[in-house]
């Protein structure tokens, strides 16, 4: 059975905000690049859920860079075979994790 990836409302909002910023200030090329990096990141954590380090503040959360500007915070639910994407944030924002 494949590991399911679930996005929280907060994570979806963060991704939407980033894509809107790219639409306003950059080109379609950067949006496609982000999409490609995001898909690669998701595939990596499906194959190796513990690949990225746990956060300093919350020991059950992992934090990994999607690209040089954005990161994802996620948790693993091994029982349900799920990876829950908690947040998608710009790396320049103050870390809350």
C-alpha atoms as a PDB file:
ATOM      1  CA  UNK A   1       0.000   0.000   0.000  1.00  0.00           C
ATOM      2  CA  UNK A   2       1.289   3.422  -0.924  1.00  0.00           C
ATOM      3  CA  UNK A   3       1.786   6.132   1.647  1.00  0.00           C
ATOM      4  CA  UNK A   4      -0.926   8.772   1.422  1.00  0.00           C
ATOM      5  CA  UNK A   5      -0.020  12.462   1.547  1.00  0.00           C
ATOM      6  CA  UNK A   6      -2.476  14.791   3.263  1.00  0.00           C
ATOM      7  CA  UNK A   7      -2.241  18.590   3.230  1.00  0.00           C
ATOM      8  CA  UNK A   8      -3.627  20.654   6.100  1.00  0.00           C
ATOM      9  CA  UNK A   9      -5.552  23.854   5.401  1.00  0.00           C
ATOM     10  CA  UNK A  10      -2.561  25.839   6.700  1.00  0.00           C
ATOM     11  CA  UNK A  11      -0.185  24.094   4.285  1.00  0.00           C
ATOM     12  CA  UNK A  12      -2.521  24.623   1.331  1.00  0.00           C
ATOM     13  CA  UNK A  13      -2.830  28.304   2.227  1.00  0.00           C
ATOM     14  CA  UNK A  14       0.967  28.684   2.405  1.00  0.00           C
ATOM     15  CA  UNK A  15       1.412  27.050  -0.990  1.00  0.00           C
ATOM     16  CA  UNK A  16      -1.349  29.174  -2.526  1.00  0.00           C
ATOM     17  CA  UNK A  17       0.245  32.328  -1.122  1.00  0.00           C
ATOM     18  CA  UNK A  18       3.620  31.405  -2.632  1.00  0.00           C
ATOM     19  CA  UNK A  19       2.122  30.609  -6.037  1.00  0.00           C
ATOM     20  CA  UNK A  20       0.226  33.914  -6.034  1.00  0.00           C
ATOM     21  CA  UNK A  21       3.467  35.749  -5.253  1.00  0.00           C
ATOM     22  CA  UNK A  22       5.207  33.975  -8.133  1.00  0.00           C
ATOM     23  CA  UNK A  23       2.338  34.844 -10.504  1.00  0.00           C
ATOM     24  CA  UNK A  24       2.594  38.519  -9.596  1.00  0.00           C
ATOM     25  CA  UNK A  25       6.370  38.929  -9.544  1.00  0.00           C
ATOM     26  CA  UNK A  26       7.877  36.162 -11.633  1.00  0.00           C
ATOM     27  CA  UNK A  27       7.073  34.017 -14.675  1.00  0.00           C
ATOM     28  CA  UNK A  28       5.331  30.720 -15.364  1.00  0.00           C
ATOM     29  CA  UNK A  29       8.789  29.135 -15.475  1.00  0.00           C
ATOM     30  CA  UNK A  30       9.285  29.702 -11.723  1.00  0.00           C
ATOM     31  CA  UNK A  31       5.846  28.271 -10.916  1.00  0.00           C
ATOM     32  CA  UNK A  32       6.606  25.127 -12.916  1.00  0.00           C
ATOM     33  CA  UNK A  33      10.002  24.889 -11.236  1.00  0.00           C
ATOM     34  CA  UNK A  34       8.349  25.053  -7.802  1.00  0.00           C
ATOM     35  CA  UNK A  35       5.834  22.397  -8.842  1.00  0.00           C
ATOM     36  CA  UNK A  36       8.651  20.127 -10.006  1.00  0.00           C
ATOM     37  CA  UNK A  37      10.631  20.603  -6.780  1.00  0.00           C
ATOM     38  CA  UNK A  38       7.496  20.020  -4.706  1.00  0.00           C
ATOM     39  CA  UNK A  39       6.683  16.765  -6.514  1.00  0.00           C
ATOM     40  CA  UNK A  40      10.262  15.550  -6.042  1.00  0.00           C
ATOM     41  CA  UNK A  41      10.132  16.447  -2.334  1.00  0.00           C
ATOM     42  CA  UNK A  42       6.855  14.529  -1.840  1.00  0.00           C
ATOM     43  CA  UNK A  43       8.253  11.460  -3.604  1.00  0.00           C
ATOM     44  CA  UNK A  44      11.401  11.554  -1.455  1.00  0.00           C
ATOM     45  CA  UNK A  45       9.472  11.656   1.820  1.00  0.00           C
ATOM     46  CA  UNK A  46       7.133   8.889   0.634  1.00  0.00           C
ATOM     47  CA  UNK A  47      10.168   6.668   0.060  1.00  0.00           C
ATOM     48  CA  UNK A  48      12.089   7.811   3.151  1.00  0.00           C
ATOM     49  CA  UNK A  49       9.767   9.542   5.620  1.00  0.00           C
ATOM     50  CA  UNK A  50      12.550  10.175   8.147  1.00  0.00           C
ATOM     51  CA  UNK A  51      14.905  11.674   5.560  1.00  0.00           C
ATOM     52  CA  UNK A  52      14.599  15.216   6.916  1.00  0.00           C
ATOM     53  CA  UNK A  53      15.520  16.188  10.477  1.00  0.00           C
ATOM     54  CA  UNK A  54      13.002  16.692  13.229  1.00  0.00           C
ATOM     55  CA  UNK A  55      12.325  20.257  14.265  1.00  0.00           C
ATOM     56  CA  UNK A  56      13.957  21.659  17.366  1.00  0.00           C
ATOM     57  CA  UNK A  57      10.677  22.714  18.935  1.00  0.00           C
ATOM     58  CA  UNK A  58       8.424  19.742  18.112  1.00  0.00           C
ATOM     59  CA  UNK A  59      10.048  16.313  18.103  1.00  0.00           C
ATOM     60  CA  UNK A  60       7.277  14.647  16.072  1.00  0.00           C
ATOM     61  CA  UNK A  61       7.588  17.109  13.162  1.00  0.00           C
ATOM     62  CA  UNK A  62      10.113  17.055  10.341  1.00  0.00           C
ATOM     63  CA  UNK A  63      11.287  20.060   8.352  1.00  0.00           C
ATOM     64  CA  UNK A  64      12.742  19.844   4.860  1.00  0.00           C
ATOM     65  CA  UNK A  65      13.670  22.318   2.143  1.00  0.00           C
ATOM     66  CA  UNK A  66      11.622  22.002  -1.038  1.00  0.00           C
ATOM     67  CA  UNK A  67      13.948  24.393  -2.850  1.00  0.00           C
ATOM     68  CA  UNK A  68      16.268  27.240  -1.874  1.00  0.00           C
ATOM     69  CA  UNK A  69      13.320  29.443  -0.884  1.00  0.00           C
ATOM     70  CA  UNK A  70      10.612  27.204   0.595  1.00  0.00           C
ATOM     71  CA  UNK A  71      10.273  24.482   3.179  1.00  0.00           C
ATOM     72  CA  UNK A  72       7.679  21.995   4.354  1.00  0.00           C
ATOM     73  CA  UNK A  73       6.928  20.843   7.872  1.00  0.00           C
ATOM     74  CA  UNK A  74       5.364  17.395   8.045  1.00  0.00           C
ATOM     75  CA  UNK A  75       4.603  14.553  10.388  1.00  0.00           C
ATOM     76  CA  UNK A  76       4.487  10.830   9.854  1.00  0.00           C
ATOM     77  CA  UNK A  77       1.501   8.726  10.846  1.00  0.00           C
ATOM     78  CA  UNK A  78       2.911   5.221  10.433  1.00  0.00           C
ATOM     79  CA  UNK A  79      -0.268   3.477  11.614  1.00  0.00           C
ATOM     80  CA  UNK A  80      -2.402   5.096   8.932  1.00  0.00           C
ATOM     81  CA  UNK A  81       0.431   5.076   6.382  1.00  0.00           C
ATOM     82  CA  UNK A  82       0.137   8.833   5.980  1.00  0.00           C
ATOM     83  CA  UNK A  83       2.396  11.814   5.729  1.00  0.00           C
ATOM     84  CA  UNK A  84       0.636  14.956   6.875  1.00  0.00           C
ATOM     85  CA  UNK A  85       1.965  18.196   5.419  1.00  0.00           C
ATOM     86  CA  UNK A  86       1.548  20.628   8.320  1.00  0.00           C
ATOM     87  CA  UNK A  87       2.871  23.787   6.699  1.00  0.00           C
ATOM     88  CA  UNK A  88       4.433  25.179   3.532  1.00  0.00           C
ATOM     89  CA  UNK A  89       6.465  28.326   4.206  1.00  0.00           C
ATOM     90  CA  UNK A  90       8.843  30.733   2.615  1.00  0.00           C
ATOM     91  CA  UNK A  91      12.304  30.273   4.103  1.00  0.00           C
ATOM     92  CA  UNK A  92      12.559  34.013   4.734  1.00  0.00           C
ATOM     93  CA  UNK A  93       9.636  33.926   7.165  1.00  0.00           C
ATOM     94  CA  UNK A  94      10.401  33.514  10.843  1.00  0.00           C
ATOM     95  CA  UNK A  95      10.295  29.835  11.722  1.00  0.00           C
ATOM     96  CA  UNK A  96       7.468  28.807  14.044  1.00  0.00           C
ATOM     97  CA  UNK A  97       8.771  25.265  14.294  1.00  0.00           C
END
